[in-house]
């Protein structure tokens, strides 16, 4: 570049001093342009790195790695990210959708969210009428889900008729194809094993108390806390909502809250 400029000036007929001054001015301007471009390039590179970090961190934050199914009637599912924060709240029936619209639990920890829901006017009013609350921790990381289950059980201790369990994700998609939360689908499979005529649509409108009482009546037992938390026996529901395999395989033993239980 400099040689081309110098060659161009050599072809110009002017006093040597004038040509030397003009060439020096051009060189100074070129240096200033190069030096001013460095901060711009550095700023662009820094901004690009920041964008990668922000976008990557946002993807991690907004990706659910576990779910919590809360079923009374209403039925809700909470999406939980790897940082134990609630990133989604979805109702799985009309009552669940209505309750979800009243909740402000996004970005809370899952224990804060569960406690908030259990203390909501809707749930406390239902429990006062002897409703059953079932809370499931759903995920494929056994160790993490066991830790989450312990946290959920701690929330449930002070709430009567509240039972907790842990399960894998293998049947969540099947549940959603039936229009049910995982917790209600789990109860549906148990009931369908005893009454093959029952449909997902029928179960969707039932409370967990109604489902448990019906299971108890058909099985000749009582709707106890232990039966609510027990894994469902291998069974084939009366209707498939998709390509559902026969039989339910629940991961991990069932658990129930250490609070008050119904008689």
C-alpha atoms as a PDB file:
ATOM      1  CA  UNK A   1       0.000   0.000   0.000  1.00  0.00           C
ATOM      2  CA  UNK A   2       2.719   2.446   1.015  1.00  0.00           C
ATOM      3  CA  UNK A   3       4.801   1.594  -2.067  1.00  0.00           C
ATOM      4  CA  UNK A   4       1.822   2.266  -4.347  1.00  0.00           C
ATOM      5  CA  UNK A   5       1.230   5.665  -2.697  1.00  0.00           C
ATOM      6  CA  UNK A   6       4.926   6.513  -2.967  1.00  0.00           C
ATOM      7  CA  UNK A   7       4.971   5.511  -6.646  1.00  0.00           C
ATOM      8  CA  UNK A   8       1.958   7.689  -7.302  1.00  0.00           C
ATOM      9  CA  UNK A   9       3.636  10.683  -5.694  1.00  0.00           C
ATOM     10  CA  UNK A  10       6.850  10.059  -7.652  1.00  0.00           C
ATOM     11  CA  UNK A  11       4.894  10.606 -10.854  1.00  0.00           C
ATOM     12  CA  UNK A  12       3.669  14.009  -9.648  1.00  0.00           C
ATOM     13  CA  UNK A  13       5.834  17.010 -10.549  1.00  0.00           C
ATOM     14  CA  UNK A  14       6.192  19.112  -7.424  1.00  0.00           C
ATOM     15  CA  UNK A  15       8.828  20.367  -5.071  1.00  0.00           C
ATOM     16  CA  UNK A  16      10.480  17.490  -3.095  1.00  0.00           C
ATOM     17  CA  UNK A  17       9.548  19.096   0.246  1.00  0.00           C
ATOM     18  CA  UNK A  18       5.868  19.357  -0.759  1.00  0.00           C
ATOM     19  CA  UNK A  19       5.720  15.765  -1.938  1.00  0.00           C
ATOM     20  CA  UNK A  20       7.368  14.534   1.284  1.00  0.00           C
ATOM     21  CA  UNK A  21       4.876  16.466   3.452  1.00  0.00           C
ATOM     22  CA  UNK A  22       1.876  15.162   1.517  1.00  0.00           C
ATOM     23  CA  UNK A  23       3.136  11.560   1.718  1.00  0.00           C
ATOM     24  CA  UNK A  24       3.643  11.877   5.479  1.00  0.00           C
ATOM     25  CA  UNK A  25       0.092  13.219   5.913  1.00  0.00           C
ATOM     26  CA  UNK A  26      -1.341  10.290   3.990  1.00  0.00           C
ATOM     27  CA  UNK A  27       0.668   7.823   6.117  1.00  0.00           C
ATOM     28  CA  UNK A  28      -0.533   9.468   9.370  1.00  0.00           C
ATOM     29  CA  UNK A  29      -4.164   9.240   8.249  1.00  0.00           C
ATOM     30  CA  UNK A  30      -3.765   5.562   7.326  1.00  0.00           C
ATOM     31  CA  UNK A  31      -2.332   4.811  10.791  1.00  0.00           C
ATOM     32  CA  UNK A  32      -5.236   6.612  12.499  1.00  0.00           C
ATOM     33  CA  UNK A  33      -7.766   4.594  10.497  1.00  0.00           C
ATOM     34  CA  UNK A  34      -6.085   1.317  11.441  1.00  0.00           C
ATOM     35  CA  UNK A  35      -5.901   2.221  15.143  1.00  0.00           C
ATOM     36  CA  UNK A  36      -9.548   3.344  15.260  1.00  0.00           C
ATOM     37  CA  UNK A  37     -10.670   0.081  13.619  1.00  0.00           C
ATOM     38  CA  UNK A  38      -9.103  -2.046  16.388  1.00  0.00           C
ATOM     39  CA  UNK A  39     -11.549  -0.984  19.169  1.00  0.00           C
ATOM     40  CA  UNK A  40     -14.455  -1.500  16.794  1.00  0.00           C
ATOM     41  CA  UNK A  41     -13.300  -5.026  15.952  1.00  0.00           C
ATOM     42  CA  UNK A  42     -12.693  -5.733  19.651  1.00  0.00           C
ATOM     43  CA  UNK A  43     -16.151  -4.408  20.576  1.00  0.00           C
ATOM     44  CA  UNK A  44     -17.788  -6.553  17.897  1.00  0.00           C
ATOM     45  CA  UNK A  45     -15.923  -9.640  19.062  1.00  0.00           C
ATOM     46  CA  UNK A  46     -16.874  -8.965  22.689  1.00  0.00           C
ATOM     47  CA  UNK A  47     -20.525  -8.459  21.741  1.00  0.00           C
ATOM     48  CA  UNK A  48     -20.520 -11.719  19.780  1.00  0.00           C
ATOM     49  CA  UNK A  49     -19.086 -13.626  22.752  1.00  0.00           C
ATOM     50  CA  UNK A  50     -21.655 -12.042  25.086  1.00  0.00           C
ATOM     51  CA  UNK A  51     -24.465 -13.031  22.718  1.00  0.00           C
ATOM     52  CA  UNK A  52     -23.263 -16.637  22.699  1.00  0.00           C
ATOM     53  CA  UNK A  53     -23.148 -16.694  26.508  1.00  0.00           C
ATOM     54  CA  UNK A  54     -26.584 -15.085  26.875  1.00  0.00           C
ATOM     55  CA  UNK A  55     -28.245 -17.263  24.253  1.00  0.00           C
ATOM     56  CA  UNK A  56     -26.580 -20.409  25.571  1.00  0.00           C
ATOM     57  CA  UNK A  57     -27.489 -19.557  29.158  1.00  0.00           C
ATOM     58  CA  UNK A  58     -31.055 -18.752  28.116  1.00  0.00           C
ATOM     59  CA  UNK A  59     -31.378 -22.110  26.394  1.00  0.00           C
ATOM     60  CA  UNK A  60     -30.151 -23.893  29.529  1.00  0.00           C
ATOM     61  CA  UNK A  61     -32.486 -21.895  31.758  1.00  0.00           C
ATOM     62  CA  UNK A  62     -35.558 -22.442  29.594  1.00  0.00           C
ATOM     63  CA  UNK A  63     -35.083 -26.179  29.053  1.00  0.00           C
ATOM     64  CA  UNK A  64     -37.119 -28.373  31.449  1.00  0.00           C
ATOM     65  CA  UNK A  65     -35.210 -31.309  32.929  1.00  0.00           C
ATOM     66  CA  UNK A  66     -37.974 -32.541  35.262  1.00  0.00           C
ATOM     67  CA  UNK A  67     -41.690 -32.021  35.853  1.00  0.00           C
ATOM     68  CA  UNK A  68     -43.911 -31.891  38.892  1.00  0.00           C
ATOM     69  CA  UNK A  69     -47.485 -33.113  38.435  1.00  0.00           C
ATOM     70  CA  UNK A  70     -49.998 -31.750  40.959  1.00  0.00           C
ATOM     71  CA  UNK A  71     -53.419 -33.357  40.810  1.00  0.00           C
ATOM     72  CA  UNK A  72     -56.519 -32.683  42.848  1.00  0.00           C
ATOM     73  CA  UNK A  73     -58.899 -31.572  40.219  1.00  0.00           C
ATOM     74  CA  UNK A  74     -57.446 -29.122  39.126  1.00  0.00           C
ATOM     75  CA  UNK A  75     -54.503 -30.852  37.424  1.00  0.00           C
ATOM     76  CA  UNK A  76     -51.268 -28.933  36.865  1.00  0.00           C
ATOM     77  CA  UNK A  77     -47.777 -29.659  35.630  1.00  0.00           C
ATOM     78  CA  UNK A  78     -44.745 -27.541  36.456  1.00  0.00           C
ATOM     79  CA  UNK A  79     -41.695 -27.583  34.179  1.00  0.00           C
ATOM     80  CA  UNK A  80     -38.484 -27.467  36.258  1.00  0.00           C
ATOM     81  CA  UNK A  81     -35.109 -26.493  34.789  1.00  0.00           C
ATOM     82  CA  UNK A  82     -31.640 -27.709  35.795  1.00  0.00           C
ATOM     83  CA  UNK A  83     -31.417 -24.843  38.285  1.00  0.00           C
ATOM     84  CA  UNK A  84     -34.517 -26.087  40.175  1.00  0.00           C
ATOM     85  CA  UNK A  85     -36.604 -23.148  38.943  1.00  0.00           C
ATOM     86  CA  UNK A  86     -40.132 -23.275  37.568  1.00  0.00           C
ATOM     87  CA  UNK A  87     -40.129 -22.296  33.893  1.00  0.00           C
ATOM     88  CA  UNK A  88     -43.652 -23.368  32.900  1.00  0.00           C
ATOM     89  CA  UNK A  89     -47.072 -23.891  34.469  1.00  0.00           C
ATOM     90  CA  UNK A  90     -49.650 -25.811  32.449  1.00  0.00           C
ATOM     91  CA  UNK A  91     -53.192 -26.796  33.330  1.00  0.00           C
ATOM     92  CA  UNK A  92     -54.358 -30.176  32.060  1.00  0.00           C
ATOM     93  CA  UNK A  93     -58.072 -29.650  32.508  1.00  0.00           C
ATOM     94  CA  UNK A  94     -60.374 -26.645  32.764  1.00  0.00           C
ATOM     95  CA  UNK A  95     -59.895 -26.337  36.518  1.00  0.00           C
ATOM     96  CA  UNK A  96     -56.144 -26.646  36.113  1.00  0.00           C
ATOM     97  CA  UNK A  97     -56.039 -23.953  33.438  1.00  0.00           C
ATOM     98  CA  UNK A  98     -58.112 -21.634  35.612  1.00  0.00           C
ATOM     99  CA  UNK A  99     -55.811 -22.209  38.585  1.00  0.00           C
ATOM    100  CA  UNK A 100     -52.672 -21.742  36.468  1.00  0.00           C
ATOM    101  CA  UNK A 101     -53.912 -18.301  35.421  1.00  0.00           C
ATOM    102  CA  UNK A 102     -54.085 -17.201  39.061  1.00  0.00           C
ATOM    103  CA  UNK A 103     -50.603 -18.416  40.003  1.00  0.00           C
ATOM    104  CA  UNK A 104     -47.392 -16.407  39.953  1.00  0.00           C
ATOM    105  CA  UNK A 105     -44.812 -19.145  40.474  1.00  0.00           C
ATOM    106  CA  UNK A 106     -42.559 -18.902  37.412  1.00  0.00           C
ATOM    107  CA  UNK A 107     -38.876 -18.525  38.292  1.00  0.00           C
ATOM    108  CA  UNK A 108     -39.533 -19.638  41.878  1.00  0.00           C
ATOM    109  CA  UNK A 109     -37.756 -22.726  43.159  1.00  0.00           C
ATOM    110  CA  UNK A 110     -39.901 -25.832  42.852  1.00  0.00           C
ATOM    111  CA  UNK A 111     -40.361 -26.036  46.645  1.00  0.00           C
ATOM    112  CA  UNK A 112     -41.507 -22.415  46.785  1.00  0.00           C
ATOM    113  CA  UNK A 113     -43.898 -23.083  43.904  1.00  0.00           C
ATOM    114  CA  UNK A 114     -45.350 -26.250  45.456  1.00  0.00           C
ATOM    115  CA  UNK A 115     -45.831 -24.521  48.794  1.00  0.00           C
ATOM    116  CA  UNK A 116     -47.501 -21.562  47.082  1.00  0.00           C
ATOM    117  CA  UNK A 117     -49.899 -23.871  45.246  1.00  0.00           C
ATOM    118  CA  UNK A 118     -50.738 -25.910  48.343  1.00  0.00           C
ATOM    119  CA  UNK A 119     -51.480 -22.692  50.228  1.00  0.00           C
ATOM    120  CA  UNK A 120     -53.607 -21.214  47.438  1.00  0.00           C
ATOM    121  CA  UNK A 121     -57.262 -20.549  48.208  1.00  0.00           C
ATOM    122  CA  UNK A 122     -58.373 -23.045  45.581  1.00  0.00           C
ATOM    123  CA  UNK A 123     -56.392 -25.975  46.981  1.00  0.00           C
ATOM    124  CA  UNK A 124     -56.983 -25.208  50.665  1.00  0.00           C
ATOM    125  CA  UNK A 125     -60.729 -24.979  50.026  1.00  0.00           C
ATOM    126  CA  UNK A 126     -60.714 -28.346  48.247  1.00  0.00           C
ATOM    127  CA  UNK A 127     -58.651 -30.046  50.945  1.00  0.00           C
ATOM    128  CA  UNK A 128     -61.032 -28.667  53.568  1.00  0.00           C
ATOM    129  CA  UNK A 129     -63.711 -30.668  51.714  1.00  0.00           C
ATOM    130  CA  UNK A 130     -61.555 -33.805  52.046  1.00  0.00           C
ATOM    131  CA  UNK A 131     -59.980 -33.625  48.583  1.00  0.00           C
ATOM    132  CA  UNK A 132     -56.904 -35.743  47.856  1.00  0.00           C
ATOM    133  CA  UNK A 133     -53.747 -34.060  46.515  1.00  0.00           C
ATOM    134  CA  UNK A 134     -51.173 -36.162  44.644  1.00  0.00           C
ATOM    135  CA  UNK A 135     -47.792 -34.674  43.748  1.00  0.00           C
ATOM    136  CA  UNK A 136     -45.420 -36.510  41.431  1.00  0.00           C
ATOM    137  CA  UNK A 137     -41.782 -35.727  40.632  1.00  0.00           C
ATOM    138  CA  UNK A 138     -41.244 -36.868  37.052  1.00  0.00           C
ATOM    139  CA  UNK A 139     -37.791 -37.258  35.500  1.00  0.00           C
ATOM    140  CA  UNK A 140     -35.108 -39.672  34.339  1.00  0.00           C
ATOM    141  CA  UNK A 141     -32.304 -38.598  36.692  1.00  0.00           C
ATOM    142  CA  UNK A 142     -33.045 -40.853  39.662  1.00  0.00           C
ATOM    143  CA  UNK A 143     -30.668 -39.105  42.050  1.00  0.00           C
ATOM    144  CA  UNK A 144     -31.925 -35.635  41.294  1.00  0.00           C
ATOM    145  CA  UNK A 145     -35.581 -36.692  41.348  1.00  0.00           C
ATOM    146  CA  UNK A 146     -35.084 -38.382  44.721  1.00  0.00           C
ATOM    147  CA  UNK A 147     -33.682 -35.106  46.058  1.00  0.00           C
ATOM    148  CA  UNK A 148     -36.601 -33.198  44.575  1.00  0.00           C
ATOM    149  CA  UNK A 149     -39.048 -35.704  46.038  1.00  0.00           C
ATOM    150  CA  UNK A 150     -37.569 -35.104  49.494  1.00  0.00           C
ATOM    151  CA  UNK A 151     -38.112 -31.371  49.011  1.00  0.00           C
ATOM    152  CA  UNK A 152     -41.691 -31.875  47.849  1.00  0.00           C
ATOM    153  CA  UNK A 153     -42.435 -34.224  50.746  1.00  0.00           C
ATOM    154  CA  UNK A 154     -41.146 -31.566  53.118  1.00  0.00           C
ATOM    155  CA  UNK A 155     -43.692 -29.147  51.625  1.00  0.00           C
ATOM    156  CA  UNK A 156     -46.452 -31.763  51.934  1.00  0.00           C
ATOM    157  CA  UNK A 157     -45.852 -32.573  55.598  1.00  0.00           C
ATOM    158  CA  UNK A 158     -48.038 -29.752  56.876  1.00  0.00           C
ATOM    159  CA  UNK A 159     -50.887 -30.436  54.446  1.00  0.00           C
ATOM    160  CA  UNK A 160     -53.449 -33.171  55.013  1.00  0.00           C
ATOM    161  CA  UNK A 161     -54.457 -35.639  52.316  1.00  0.00           C
ATOM    162  CA  UNK A 162     -51.315 -34.834  50.317  1.00  0.00           C
ATOM    163  CA  UNK A 163     -49.318 -37.734  48.864  1.00  0.00           C
ATOM    164  CA  UNK A 164     -46.071 -37.715  46.893  1.00  0.00           C
ATOM    165  CA  UNK A 165     -44.369 -40.121  44.491  1.00  0.00           C
ATOM    166  CA  UNK A 166     -41.526 -40.339  41.969  1.00  0.00           C
ATOM    167  CA  UNK A 167     -41.741 -41.665  38.405  1.00  0.00           C
ATOM    168  CA  UNK A 168     -39.854 -41.730  35.116  1.00  0.00           C
ATOM    169  CA  UNK A 169     -40.777 -39.879  31.950  1.00  0.00           C
ATOM    170  CA  UNK A 170     -41.544 -42.876  29.744  1.00  0.00           C
ATOM    171  CA  UNK A 171     -45.317 -42.370  29.930  1.00  0.00           C
ATOM    172  CA  UNK A 172     -45.591 -38.591  30.108  1.00  0.00           C
ATOM    173  CA  UNK A 173     -46.087 -38.319  26.344  1.00  0.00           C
ATOM    174  CA  UNK A 174     -48.798 -40.986  26.507  1.00  0.00           C
ATOM    175  CA  UNK A 175     -50.527 -39.054  29.271  1.00  0.00           C
ATOM    176  CA  UNK A 176     -50.486 -35.862  27.253  1.00  0.00           C
ATOM    177  CA  UNK A 177     -51.845 -37.660  24.192  1.00  0.00           C
ATOM    178  CA  UNK A 178     -54.802 -38.607  26.399  1.00  0.00           C
ATOM    179  CA  UNK A 179     -55.215 -34.983  27.467  1.00  0.00           C
ATOM    180  CA  UNK A 180     -54.206 -35.844  31.038  1.00  0.00           C
ATOM    181  CA  UNK A 181     -51.483 -34.786  33.405  1.00  0.00           C
ATOM    182  CA  UNK A 182     -49.118 -37.584  34.319  1.00  0.00           C
ATOM    183  CA  UNK A 183     -50.595 -37.916  37.820  1.00  0.00           C
ATOM    184  CA  UNK A 184     -54.134 -38.294  36.563  1.00  0.00           C
ATOM    185  CA  UNK A 185     -53.003 -40.663  33.792  1.00  0.00           C
ATOM    186  CA  UNK A 186     -51.321 -42.808  36.418  1.00  0.00           C
ATOM    187  CA  UNK A 187     -54.596 -42.992  38.364  1.00  0.00           C
ATOM    188  CA  UNK A 188     -56.498 -43.664  35.129  1.00  0.00           C
ATOM    189  CA  UNK A 189     -54.318 -46.693  34.408  1.00  0.00           C
ATOM    190  CA  UNK A 190     -55.024 -48.064  37.867  1.00  0.00           C
ATOM    191  CA  UNK A 191     -58.759 -47.555  37.480  1.00  0.00           C
ATOM    192  CA  UNK A 192     -58.798 -48.948  33.925  1.00  0.00           C
ATOM    193  CA  UNK A 193     -57.226 -52.168  35.200  1.00  0.00           C
ATOM    194  CA  UNK A 194     -60.336 -52.642  37.370  1.00  0.00           C
ATOM    195  CA  UNK A 195     -62.909 -51.086  35.035  1.00  0.00           C
ATOM    196  CA  UNK A 196     -61.966 -51.379  31.340  1.00  0.00           C
ATOM    197  CA  UNK A 197     -64.942 -49.237  30.332  1.00  0.00           C
ATOM    198  CA  UNK A 198     -63.511 -46.090  31.896  1.00  0.00           C
ATOM    199  CA  UNK A 199     -62.260 -43.451  29.431  1.00  0.00           C
ATOM    200  CA  UNK A 200     -59.613 -40.722  29.732  1.00  0.00           C
ATOM    201  CA  UNK A 201     -62.330 -38.135  29.089  1.00  0.00           C
ATOM    202  CA  UNK A 202     -64.317 -39.443  32.043  1.00  0.00           C
ATOM    203  CA  UNK A 203     -61.283 -39.421  34.313  1.00  0.00           C
ATOM    204  CA  UNK A 204     -60.292 -35.915  33.214  1.00  0.00           C
ATOM    205  CA  UNK A 205     -63.365 -34.474  34.904  1.00  0.00           C
ATOM    206  CA  UNK A 206     -63.037 -36.527  38.096  1.00  0.00           C
ATOM    207  CA  UNK A 207     -61.293 -35.423  41.270  1.00  0.00           C
ATOM    208  CA  UNK A 208     -58.466 -37.548  42.630  1.00  0.00           C
ATOM    209  CA  UNK A 209     -60.702 -38.357  45.599  1.00  0.00           C
ATOM    210  CA  UNK A 210     -63.389 -39.694  43.241  1.00  0.00           C
ATOM    211  CA  UNK A 211     -60.853 -41.772  41.326  1.00  0.00           C
ATOM    212  CA  UNK A 212     -59.295 -43.187  44.507  1.00  0.00           C
ATOM    213  CA  UNK A 213     -62.698 -43.970  46.024  1.00  0.00           C
ATOM    214  CA  UNK A 214     -63.749 -45.748  42.842  1.00  0.00           C
ATOM    215  CA  UNK A 215     -60.516 -47.758  42.764  1.00  0.00           C
ATOM    216  CA  UNK A 216     -61.044 -48.672  46.408  1.00  0.00           C
ATOM    217  CA  UNK A 217     -64.655 -49.742  45.785  1.00  0.00           C
ATOM    218  CA  UNK A 218     -63.718 -51.939  42.819  1.00  0.00           C
ATOM    219  CA  UNK A 219     -60.731 -53.488  44.561  1.00  0.00           C
ATOM    220  CA  UNK A 220     -62.521 -54.004  47.863  1.00  0.00           C
ATOM    221  CA  UNK A 221     -60.008 -51.850  49.721  1.00  0.00           C
ATOM    222  CA  UNK A 222     -59.875 -48.408  51.281  1.00  0.00           C
ATOM    223  CA  UNK A 223     -58.544 -45.279  49.609  1.00  0.00           C
ATOM    224  CA  UNK A 224     -55.632 -44.846  51.975  1.00  0.00           C
ATOM    225  CA  UNK A 225     -52.553 -42.688  51.658  1.00  0.00           C
ATOM    226  CA  UNK A 226     -50.491 -45.790  50.961  1.00  0.00           C
ATOM    227  CA  UNK A 227     -52.714 -46.962  48.096  1.00  0.00           C
ATOM    228  CA  UNK A 228     -52.595 -43.502  46.527  1.00  0.00           C
ATOM    229  CA  UNK A 229     -48.814 -43.558  46.559  1.00  0.00           C
ATOM    230  CA  UNK A 230     -48.292 -47.162  45.459  1.00  0.00           C
ATOM    231  CA  UNK A 231     -47.107 -47.729  41.885  1.00  0.00           C
ATOM    232  CA  UNK A 232     -49.792 -48.937  39.537  1.00  0.00           C
ATOM    233  CA  UNK A 233     -49.816 -52.637  38.765  1.00  0.00           C
ATOM    234  CA  UNK A 234     -49.033 -53.728  35.216  1.00  0.00           C
ATOM    235  CA  UNK A 235     -52.277 -53.214  33.382  1.00  0.00           C
ATOM    236  CA  UNK A 236     -53.726 -52.341  30.002  1.00  0.00           C
ATOM    237  CA  UNK A 237     -56.159 -49.419  29.917  1.00  0.00           C
ATOM    238  CA  UNK A 238     -59.439 -49.847  28.091  1.00  0.00           C
ATOM    239  CA  UNK A 239     -58.446 -47.261  25.493  1.00  0.00           C
ATOM    240  CA  UNK A 240     -55.126 -46.262  24.008  1.00  0.00           C
ATOM    241  CA  UNK A 241     -54.713 -42.545  23.308  1.00  0.00           C
ATOM    242  CA  UNK A 242     -51.814 -43.182  20.972  1.00  0.00           C
ATOM    243  CA  UNK A 243     -49.187 -45.841  20.540  1.00  0.00           C
ATOM    244  CA  UNK A 244     -49.168 -46.690  24.222  1.00  0.00           C
ATOM    245  CA  UNK A 245     -47.389 -49.845  25.352  1.00  0.00           C
ATOM    246  CA  UNK A 246     -49.285 -52.240  27.514  1.00  0.00           C
ATOM    247  CA  UNK A 247     -48.497 -51.916  31.186  1.00  0.00           C
ATOM    248  CA  UNK A 248     -47.143 -49.122  33.316  1.00  0.00           C
ATOM    249  CA  UNK A 249     -43.615 -49.105  34.609  1.00  0.00           C
ATOM    250  CA  UNK A 250     -43.204 -46.539  37.352  1.00  0.00           C
ATOM    251  CA  UNK A 251     -39.714 -45.600  38.411  1.00  0.00           C
ATOM    252  CA  UNK A 252     -38.972 -45.686  42.092  1.00  0.00           C
ATOM    253  CA  UNK A 253     -41.226 -46.523  45.001  1.00  0.00           C
ATOM    254  CA  UNK A 254     -44.214 -44.399  45.858  1.00  0.00           C
ATOM    255  CA  UNK A 255     -44.078 -42.062  48.816  1.00  0.00           C
ATOM    256  CA  UNK A 256     -46.650 -40.146  50.744  1.00  0.00           C
ATOM    257  CA  UNK A 257     -46.477 -36.910  52.633  1.00  0.00           C
ATOM    258  CA  UNK A 258     -45.830 -37.170  56.329  1.00  0.00           C
ATOM    259  CA  UNK A 259     -48.619 -34.753  57.133  1.00  0.00           C
ATOM    260  CA  UNK A 260     -52.195 -35.540  58.037  1.00  0.00           C
ATOM    261  CA  UNK A 261     -53.835 -38.338  56.084  1.00  0.00           C
ATOM    262  CA  UNK A 262     -57.451 -38.991  55.550  1.00  0.00           C
ATOM    263  CA  UNK A 263     -59.099 -41.567  57.770  1.00  0.00           C
END
